[in-house]
Amino acid sequence: MLNQNIKENTKEAHQTLEGVVVRQLKAVRSDADYAEVLKNFYAYFNAVEKAIAPFITSDVLPDYAERRNSSYIKADIEELGGNINDLPTTTAPAVSNTLEALSALYVLEGSIMGGPYIVQMLNKYGVMKGTSFFSGYGENTGKMWSTFVDVLNKHGEGPDSQKRAIEVANETFARFGDVFRSVTAE
């Protein structure tokens, strides 16, 4: 199953990204701090969404229009009193077909699974609004993930295609981490 191969072969990139993101989230002490962190998410998700848009249609992923996307992040930023001006520079992974697009989307969709923990962490730091993005699909999260994984696995059945899918997922994790590291370095 492709999803398992991606999970196993991106573990290091995933953990590296998670460490960088969690450090920034732990530094949040106000709505303004949180809005600044969300700008990283918005900039990157928006860039990846544009890169995969030509390849992910409703024929590929029937519920794609109902999935969480960067518009949720923008709404959260605005709810916190921020805006999407002065976004960090981002580079989306190179995507040239449906399987590569689904592999990049794997990283974005997978971020939903940790969302409830992020909301709890933010609440502990006094941030009580601007969490619609991290709230994911609520009670439908498992179902939405399962639907996505089924589509990913259907498109990545061959061993040659799996190698490239794993490369794209690793690149997606790495470039997402670059956004957070570039902000930290400033």
Protein backbone atom coordinates (compact mmCIF):
# COMPACT_ATOMS: atom_id res chain seq x y z
CA MET A 1 0.00 0.00 0.00
CA LEU A 2 1.43 3.33 -1.07
CA ASN A 3 0.24 5.23 1.99
CA GLN A 4 2.19 2.87 4.26
CA ASN A 5 5.30 3.15 2.07
CA ILE A 6 5.08 6.93 2.16
CA LYS A 7 4.59 6.91 5.93
CA GLU A 8 7.57 4.61 6.51
CA ASN A 9 9.86 6.39 4.04
CA THR A 10 9.08 9.94 5.15
CA LYS A 11 9.34 9.36 8.89
CA GLU A 12 12.56 11.38 9.25
CA ALA A 13 11.32 14.32 7.16
CA HIS A 14 8.01 14.27 9.02
CA GLN A 15 9.66 14.29 12.44
CA THR A 16 12.04 17.10 11.42
CA LEU A 17 9.14 19.24 10.23
CA GLU A 18 7.07 18.44 13.30
CA GLY A 19 9.92 19.52 15.59
CA VAL A 20 10.29 22.89 13.86
CA VAL A 21 6.53 23.53 13.85
CA VAL A 22 5.99 22.48 17.46
CA ARG A 23 8.82 24.77 18.64
CA GLN A 24 7.13 27.73 16.96
CA LEU A 25 3.72 26.78 18.31
CA LYS A 26 5.12 26.45 21.83
CA ALA A 27 6.42 30.03 21.55
CA VAL A 28 2.88 31.35 20.88
CA ARG A 29 1.71 33.61 23.69
CA SER A 30 -0.90 35.74 21.96
CA ASP A 31 -3.35 35.80 19.08
CA ALA A 32 -0.83 37.92 17.14
CA ASP A 33 1.93 35.31 17.67
CA TYR A 34 -0.37 32.57 16.49
CA ALA A 35 -1.45 34.58 13.42
CA GLU A 36 2.23 34.93 12.47
CA VAL A 37 2.77 31.17 12.71
CA LEU A 38 -0.36 30.58 10.62
CA LYS A 39 1.12 32.77 7.87
CA ASN A 40 3.72 30.03 7.34
CA PHE A 41 0.97 27.45 6.97
CA TYR A 42 -1.05 29.70 4.67
CA ALA A 43 1.87 30.56 2.40
CA TYR A 44 2.92 26.95 2.00
CA PHE A 45 -0.50 25.33 1.71
CA ASN A 46 -1.54 27.95 -0.83
CA ALA A 47 1.59 27.31 -2.92
CA VAL A 48 1.12 23.53 -2.83
CA GLU A 49 -2.59 23.85 -3.65
CA LYS A 50 -1.71 25.87 -6.76
CA ALA A 51 0.91 23.29 -7.80
CA ILE A 52 -1.49 20.34 -7.48
CA ALA A 53 -4.64 22.08 -8.82
CA PRO A 54 -4.19 20.98 -12.46
CA PHE A 55 -3.99 17.32 -11.40
CA ILE A 56 -6.54 16.91 -8.60
CA THR A 57 -10.04 17.16 -9.99
CA SER A 58 -13.35 15.88 -8.70
CA ASP A 59 -12.82 12.88 -11.02
CA VAL A 60 -9.66 12.02 -9.07
CA LEU A 61 -10.84 12.94 -5.56
CA PRO A 62 -14.63 13.43 -5.57
CA ASP A 63 -14.73 15.31 -2.24
CA TYR A 64 -11.74 17.56 -2.99
CA ALA A 65 -13.88 20.73 -2.92
CA GLU A 66 -15.03 19.89 0.62
CA ARG A 67 -11.53 19.34 1.98
CA ARG A 68 -9.76 21.71 4.31
CA ASN A 69 -7.52 24.15 2.47
CA SER A 70 -5.65 27.43 2.78
CA SER A 71 -8.88 29.46 2.82
CA TYR A 72 -9.46 28.08 6.34
CA ILE A 73 -6.03 29.30 7.39
CA LYS A 74 -6.70 32.74 5.93
CA ALA A 75 -10.00 32.93 7.82
CA ASP A 76 -8.23 31.93 11.05
CA ILE A 77 -5.56 34.60 10.52
CA GLU A 78 -8.25 37.22 9.97
CA GLU A 79 -10.24 36.04 13.00
CA LEU A 80 -7.08 36.59 15.05
CA GLY A 81 -6.84 40.17 13.74
CA GLY A 82 -4.06 39.46 11.26
CA ASN A 83 -3.79 39.55 7.48
CA ILE A 84 -1.96 37.67 4.76
CA ASN A 85 0.43 40.50 3.92
CA ASP A 86 4.17 39.91 4.24
CA LEU A 87 4.07 36.16 3.71
CA PRO A 88 7.26 34.10 3.83
CA THR A 89 8.78 32.85 0.61
CA THR A 90 7.74 29.32 -0.27
CA THR A 91 8.63 26.73 -2.87
CA ALA A 92 6.12 24.00 -3.63
CA PRO A 93 7.34 20.56 -4.63
CA ALA A 94 7.72 19.79 -8.32
CA VAL A 95 4.48 18.15 -9.43
CA SER A 96 3.81 16.94 -12.97
CA ASN A 97 1.06 14.33 -12.69
CA THR A 98 -1.84 13.10 -10.56
CA LEU A 99 0.16 10.68 -8.42
CA GLU A 100 2.74 13.34 -7.58
CA ALA A 101 -0.07 15.77 -6.70
CA LEU A 102 -1.70 13.18 -4.45
CA SER A 103 1.67 12.53 -2.79
CA ALA A 104 2.04 16.22 -1.97
CA LEU A 105 -1.57 16.30 -0.77
CA TYR A 106 -0.76 13.35 1.49
CA VAL A 107 1.40 15.68 3.58
CA LEU A 108 -1.26 18.41 3.72
CA GLU A 109 -4.09 16.01 4.53
CA GLY A 110 -1.94 14.17 7.04
CA SER A 111 -1.47 17.38 9.00
CA ILE A 112 -5.13 17.08 10.00
CA MET A 113 -4.34 14.11 12.20
CA GLY A 114 -2.26 16.23 14.58
CA GLY A 115 -4.67 19.15 14.52
CA PRO A 116 -6.57 18.33 17.73
CA TYR A 117 -3.29 18.23 19.67
CA ILE A 118 -2.32 21.61 18.27
CA VAL A 119 -5.68 23.07 19.30
CA GLN A 120 -5.18 21.72 22.84
CA MET A 121 -1.66 23.19 22.97
CA LEU A 122 -2.91 26.58 21.79
CA ASN A 123 -5.76 26.56 24.30
CA LYS A 124 -3.21 25.90 27.05
CA TYR A 125 -1.37 29.06 25.93
CA GLY A 126 -4.58 31.10 26.00
CA VAL A 127 -5.34 31.05 22.27
CA MET A 128 -9.02 30.19 21.98
CA LYS A 129 -9.92 31.29 18.45
CA GLY A 130 -8.58 30.89 14.95
CA THR A 131 -8.47 27.10 15.10
CA SER A 132 -10.89 26.08 12.35
CA PHE A 133 -8.02 24.87 10.18
CA PHE A 134 -6.55 22.64 12.89
CA SER A 135 -9.98 21.35 13.85
CA GLY A 136 -9.96 19.44 10.56
CA TYR A 137 -13.10 17.51 9.77
CA GLY A 138 -14.26 16.93 13.33
CA GLU A 139 -15.94 13.57 13.73
CA ASN A 140 -15.49 12.92 9.98
CA THR A 141 -11.69 13.12 10.12
CA GLY A 142 -11.18 9.34 10.05
CA LYS A 143 -13.60 8.90 7.16
CA MET A 144 -12.03 11.73 5.15
CA TRP A 145 -8.52 10.33 5.71
CA SER A 146 -9.66 6.84 4.69
CA THR A 147 -11.27 8.16 1.50
CA PHE A 148 -8.09 10.05 0.61
CA VAL A 149 -5.83 7.06 1.32
CA ASP A 150 -8.00 4.83 -0.89
CA VAL A 151 -7.60 7.27 -3.79
CA LEU A 152 -3.84 7.61 -3.21
CA ASN A 153 -3.36 3.84 -3.09
CA LYS A 154 -5.42 3.32 -6.25
CA HIS A 155 -3.22 5.77 -8.17
CA GLY A 156 0.07 4.42 -6.84
CA GLU A 157 -0.11 0.69 -7.36
CA GLY A 158 3.13 0.21 -9.33
CA PRO A 159 6.55 -0.01 -7.60
CA ASP A 160 8.15 2.52 -9.98
CA SER A 161 5.43 5.06 -9.30
CA GLN A 162 5.75 4.50 -5.55
CA LYS A 163 9.40 5.56 -5.57
CA ARG A 164 8.54 8.92 -7.14
CA ALA A 165 5.52 9.35 -4.85
CA ILE A 166 7.78 8.93 -1.82
CA GLU A 167 10.26 11.46 -3.25
CA VAL A 168 7.49 14.04 -3.71
CA ALA A 169 6.15 13.47 -0.19
CA ASN A 170 9.66 13.89 1.26
CA GLU A 171 10.15 17.05 -0.79
CA THR A 172 6.79 18.36 0.44
CA PHE A 173 7.79 17.84 4.07
CA ALA A 174 11.24 19.36 3.52
CA ARG A 175 10.04 22.48 1.72
CA PHE A 176 7.36 23.03 4.35
CA GLY A 177 10.09 22.91 6.98
CA ASP A 178 12.11 25.43 4.96
CA VAL A 179 9.29 27.96 5.39
CA PHE A 180 9.46 27.67 9.17
CA ARG A 181 13.26 27.67 9.27
CA SER A 182 13.49 30.79 7.08
CA VAL A 183 11.17 32.67 9.46
CA THR A 184 13.17 31.48 12.49
CA ALA A 185 16.43 32.61 10.86
CA GLU A 186 15.23 36.17 10.29
